Amino acid sequence: MEIKVKFFLNYQEDAGKEKEVINIAGETAKLEKVYSCLEEKIDFDPEAVQNQGIVLLNDRVVNNQDPGQVEVKDGDSISFMPMVSGG
């Protein structure tokens, strides 16, 4: 299966790119598997983003969910965004 990953703002700088494609065997996997692949492929720490930024799976926030319980499937999109504040 193919998962599209997008990085925004400072996470784009950390990853060294704007987008990445992760290929994982099987029809479904858990989000933690995608995290593991990102750590191996581009030396990016998704768990730090989960704790300090915003993680979106198909435009839905998944920060408050255990990555070992969140299922991803072929064609899903994961985005990493920093917290935004201001006023």
N, C-alpha and C. Protein backbone atom coordinates (compact mmCIF):
# COMPACT_ATOMS: atom_id res chain seq x y z
N MET A 1 0.84 -1.17 0.00
CA MET A 1 0.00 0.00 0.00
C MET A 1 0.89 1.24 0.00
N GLU A 2 0.33 2.33 -0.47
CA GLU A 2 1.08 3.58 -0.57
C GLU A 2 0.41 4.64 0.30
N ILE A 3 1.22 5.27 1.16
CA ILE A 3 0.74 6.33 2.05
C ILE A 3 1.47 7.62 1.67
N LYS A 4 0.72 8.68 1.46
CA LYS A 4 1.32 9.97 1.13
C LYS A 4 1.51 10.76 2.42
N VAL A 5 2.70 11.33 2.58
CA VAL A 5 3.02 12.10 3.78
C VAL A 5 3.39 13.52 3.37
N LYS A 6 2.82 14.50 4.06
CA LYS A 6 3.11 15.91 3.80
C LYS A 6 3.67 16.55 5.06
N PHE A 7 4.65 17.41 4.88
CA PHE A 7 5.27 18.13 5.99
C PHE A 7 5.05 19.63 5.78
N PHE A 8 4.70 20.33 6.86
CA PHE A 8 4.43 21.76 6.78
C PHE A 8 5.36 22.55 7.69
N LEU A 9 5.72 23.74 7.22
CA LEU A 9 6.53 24.73 7.95
C LEU A 9 7.82 24.12 8.52
N ASN A 10 8.05 24.23 9.81
CA ASN A 10 9.33 23.75 10.37
C ASN A 10 9.50 22.24 10.24
N TYR A 11 8.42 21.48 10.15
CA TYR A 11 8.55 20.03 9.96
C TYR A 11 9.06 19.72 8.56
N GLN A 12 8.76 20.61 7.61
CA GLN A 12 9.29 20.47 6.27
C GLN A 12 10.81 20.63 6.30
N GLU A 13 11.28 21.59 7.09
CA GLU A 13 12.72 21.79 7.25
C GLU A 13 13.35 20.59 7.95
N ASP A 14 12.71 20.09 8.99
CA ASP A 14 13.24 18.92 9.72
C ASP A 14 13.36 17.70 8.81
N ALA A 15 12.34 17.49 7.97
CA ALA A 15 12.32 16.32 7.09
C ALA A 15 13.21 16.51 5.86
N GLY A 16 13.51 17.77 5.55
CA GLY A 16 14.31 18.05 4.37
C GLY A 16 13.53 17.94 3.08
N LYS A 17 12.22 17.92 3.17
CA LYS A 17 11.37 17.82 1.98
C LYS A 17 9.94 18.18 2.33
N GLU A 18 9.16 18.40 1.29
CA GLU A 18 7.75 18.76 1.48
C GLU A 18 6.85 17.53 1.53
N LYS A 19 7.21 16.50 0.77
CA LYS A 19 6.38 15.30 0.66
C LYS A 19 7.24 14.05 0.67
N GLU A 20 6.63 12.96 1.04
CA GLU A 20 7.27 11.64 1.01
C GLU A 20 6.18 10.62 0.75
N VAL A 21 6.56 9.53 0.11
CA VAL A 21 5.64 8.42 -0.10
C VAL A 21 6.22 7.21 0.62
N ILE A 22 5.39 6.58 1.43
CA ILE A 22 5.79 5.40 2.18
C ILE A 22 5.05 4.20 1.60
N ASN A 23 5.78 3.16 1.27
CA ASN A 23 5.18 1.92 0.79
C ASN A 23 5.31 0.86 1.86
N ILE A 24 4.18 0.25 2.19
CA ILE A 24 4.12 -0.78 3.23
C ILE A 24 3.39 -1.99 2.66
N ALA A 25 3.92 -3.16 2.92
CA ALA A 25 3.28 -4.38 2.44
C ALA A 25 1.93 -4.57 3.15
N GLY A 26 0.98 -5.11 2.44
CA GLY A 26 -0.33 -5.39 3.01
C GLY A 26 -1.37 -4.36 2.61
N GLU A 27 -2.60 -4.62 2.99
CA GLU A 27 -3.71 -3.73 2.66
C GLU A 27 -3.96 -2.67 3.72
N THR A 28 -3.60 -2.96 4.96
CA THR A 28 -3.74 -2.00 6.05
C THR A 28 -2.53 -2.12 6.97
N ALA A 29 -2.33 -1.09 7.77
CA ALA A 29 -1.26 -1.08 8.77
C ALA A 29 -1.66 -0.09 9.85
N LYS A 30 -0.91 -0.07 10.90
CA LYS A 30 -1.15 0.90 11.97
C LYS A 30 -0.27 2.13 11.73
N LEU A 31 -0.70 3.26 12.25
CA LEU A 31 0.02 4.51 12.10
C LEU A 31 1.45 4.39 12.64
N GLU A 32 1.64 3.60 13.69
CA GLU A 32 2.98 3.44 14.25
C GLU A 32 3.94 2.82 13.25
N LYS A 33 3.45 2.00 12.32
CA LYS A 33 4.28 1.42 11.27
C LYS A 33 4.75 2.51 10.31
N VAL A 34 3.86 3.43 9.98
CA VAL A 34 4.23 4.56 9.13
C VAL A 34 5.30 5.40 9.83
N TYR A 35 5.10 5.62 11.13
CA TYR A 35 6.09 6.38 11.91
C TYR A 35 7.46 5.70 11.84
N SER A 36 7.48 4.40 12.00
CA SER A 36 8.72 3.63 11.96
C SER A 36 9.40 3.77 10.59
N CYS A 37 8.63 3.69 9.54
CA CYS A 37 9.18 3.83 8.19
C CYS A 37 9.75 5.22 7.96
N LEU A 38 9.08 6.25 8.48
CA LEU A 38 9.60 7.61 8.34
C LEU A 38 10.91 7.78 9.09
N GLU A 39 10.99 7.22 10.28
CA GLU A 39 12.22 7.31 11.06
C GLU A 39 13.39 6.66 10.33
N GLU A 40 13.13 5.52 9.69
CA GLU A 40 14.18 4.81 8.96
C GLU A 40 14.54 5.51 7.65
N LYS A 41 13.52 5.97 6.93
CA LYS A 41 13.74 6.48 5.57
C LYS A 41 14.34 7.88 5.55
N ILE A 42 13.87 8.77 6.42
CA ILE A 42 14.35 10.17 6.35
C ILE A 42 14.78 10.74 7.69
N ASP A 43 14.95 9.91 8.70
CA ASP A 43 15.39 10.38 10.01
C ASP A 43 14.49 11.50 10.55
N PHE A 44 13.19 11.25 10.54
CA PHE A 44 12.19 12.19 11.03
C PHE A 44 11.50 11.55 12.22
N ASP A 45 11.24 12.33 13.27
CA ASP A 45 10.65 11.79 14.50
C ASP A 45 9.17 12.15 14.61
N PRO A 46 8.28 11.34 14.05
CA PRO A 46 6.85 11.64 14.07
C PRO A 46 6.26 11.68 15.48
N GLU A 47 6.80 10.90 16.40
CA GLU A 47 6.24 10.90 17.76
C GLU A 47 6.43 12.25 18.43
N ALA A 48 7.51 12.95 18.12
CA ALA A 48 7.70 14.30 18.66
C ALA A 48 6.61 15.23 18.14
N VAL A 49 6.25 15.07 16.87
CA VAL A 49 5.17 15.88 16.30
C VAL A 49 3.85 15.53 16.98
N GLN A 50 3.63 14.25 17.22
CA GLN A 50 2.39 13.82 17.86
C GLN A 50 2.23 14.51 19.22
N ASN A 51 3.34 14.73 19.91
CA ASN A 51 3.29 15.34 21.24
C ASN A 51 3.32 16.87 21.21
N GLN A 52 3.89 17.46 20.15
CA GLN A 52 4.10 18.91 20.13
C GLN A 52 3.40 19.63 18.97
N GLY A 53 2.96 18.89 17.98
CA GLY A 53 2.35 19.50 16.80
C GLY A 53 0.99 18.88 16.51
N ILE A 54 0.65 18.87 15.23
CA ILE A 54 -0.63 18.33 14.80
C ILE A 54 -0.37 17.24 13.76
N VAL A 55 -0.97 16.09 13.96
CA VAL A 55 -0.88 15.00 13.00
C VAL A 55 -2.29 14.78 12.44
N LEU A 56 -2.40 14.84 11.11
CA LEU A 56 -3.69 14.65 10.45
C LEU A 56 -3.64 13.38 9.61
N LEU A 57 -4.68 12.58 9.69
CA LEU A 57 -4.86 11.43 8.82
C LEU A 57 -6.10 11.72 7.99
N ASN A 58 -5.90 11.91 6.70
CA ASN A 58 -7.00 12.28 5.80
C ASN A 58 -7.76 13.49 6.34
N ASP A 59 -7.00 14.50 6.76
CA ASP A 59 -7.53 15.78 7.26
C ASP A 59 -8.28 15.69 8.59
N ARG A 60 -8.09 14.61 9.33
CA ARG A 60 -8.67 14.48 10.67
C ARG A 60 -7.55 14.38 11.70
N VAL A 61 -7.66 15.12 12.77
CA VAL A 61 -6.63 15.13 13.81
C VAL A 61 -6.59 13.78 14.51
N VAL A 62 -5.38 13.22 14.63
CA VAL A 62 -5.21 11.93 15.31
C VAL A 62 -4.19 12.01 16.45
N ASN A 63 -3.84 13.21 16.87
CA ASN A 63 -2.87 13.38 17.96
C ASN A 63 -3.28 12.67 19.24
N ASN A 64 -4.55 12.72 19.55
CA ASN A 64 -5.03 12.19 20.82
C ASN A 64 -5.27 10.68 20.77
N GLN A 65 -4.89 10.04 19.68
CA GLN A 65 -5.11 8.60 19.55
C GLN A 65 -3.77 7.85 19.59
N ASP A 66 -3.79 6.66 20.08
CA ASP A 66 -2.60 5.81 20.14
C ASP A 66 -2.23 5.39 18.71
N PRO A 67 -1.00 5.71 18.25
CA PRO A 67 -0.61 5.33 16.89
C PRO A 67 -0.68 3.82 16.63
N GLY A 68 -0.62 3.03 17.69
CA GLY A 68 -0.74 1.58 17.55
C GLY A 68 -2.17 1.12 17.32
N GLN A 69 -3.13 2.04 17.47
CA GLN A 69 -4.54 1.71 17.28
C GLN A 69 -5.15 2.36 16.04
N VAL A 70 -4.44 3.33 15.44
CA VAL A 70 -4.97 4.05 14.28
C VAL A 70 -4.61 3.28 13.01
N GLU A 71 -5.62 2.87 12.26
CA GLU A 71 -5.41 2.09 11.05
C GLU A 71 -5.26 3.01 9.84
N VAL A 72 -4.28 2.71 9.00
CA VAL A 72 -4.11 3.41 7.74
C VAL A 72 -4.28 2.40 6.60
N LYS A 73 -4.70 2.91 5.46
CA LYS A 73 -4.90 2.02 4.31
C LYS A 73 -4.35 2.69 3.05
N ASP A 74 -4.30 1.93 1.99
CA ASP A 74 -3.76 2.41 0.73
C ASP A 74 -4.42 3.72 0.31
N GLY A 75 -3.58 4.69 -0.06
CA GLY A 75 -4.09 5.97 -0.54
C GLY A 75 -4.31 7.01 0.53
N ASP A 76 -4.15 6.63 1.80
CA ASP A 76 -4.32 7.60 2.89
C ASP A 76 -3.25 8.67 2.82
N SER A 77 -3.56 9.81 3.42
CA SER A 77 -2.65 10.94 3.48
C SER A 77 -2.42 11.34 4.93
N ILE A 78 -1.16 11.50 5.31
CA ILE A 78 -0.79 11.92 6.66
C ILE A 78 -0.08 13.25 6.56
N SER A 79 -0.47 14.20 7.38
CA SER A 79 0.15 15.52 7.38
C SER A 79 0.69 15.84 8.77
N PHE A 80 1.87 16.46 8.79
CA PHE A 80 2.50 16.90 10.03
C PHE A 80 2.57 18.41 10.02
N MET A 81 1.90 19.04 11.00
CA MET A 81 1.83 20.50 11.06
C MET A 81 2.19 20.99 12.46
N PRO A 82 2.89 22.13 12.55
CA PRO A 82 3.16 22.69 13.88
C PRO A 82 1.90 23.34 14.44
N MET A 83 1.87 23.47 15.76
CA MET A 83 0.77 24.21 16.40
C MET A 83 0.86 25.65 15.94
N VAL A 84 -0.28 26.25 15.73
CA VAL A 84 -0.34 27.64 15.29
C VAL A 84 -1.02 28.44 16.39
N SER A 85 -0.41 29.56 16.71
CA SER A 85 -1.02 30.42 17.73
C SER A 85 -0.90 31.87 17.28
N GLY A 86 -1.56 32.70 17.93
CA GLY A 86 -1.50 34.12 17.59
C GLY A 86 -2.85 34.77 17.88
N GLY A 87 -2.92 35.98 17.51
CA GLY A 87 -4.19 36.63 17.75
C GLY A 87 -4.23 38.01 17.25
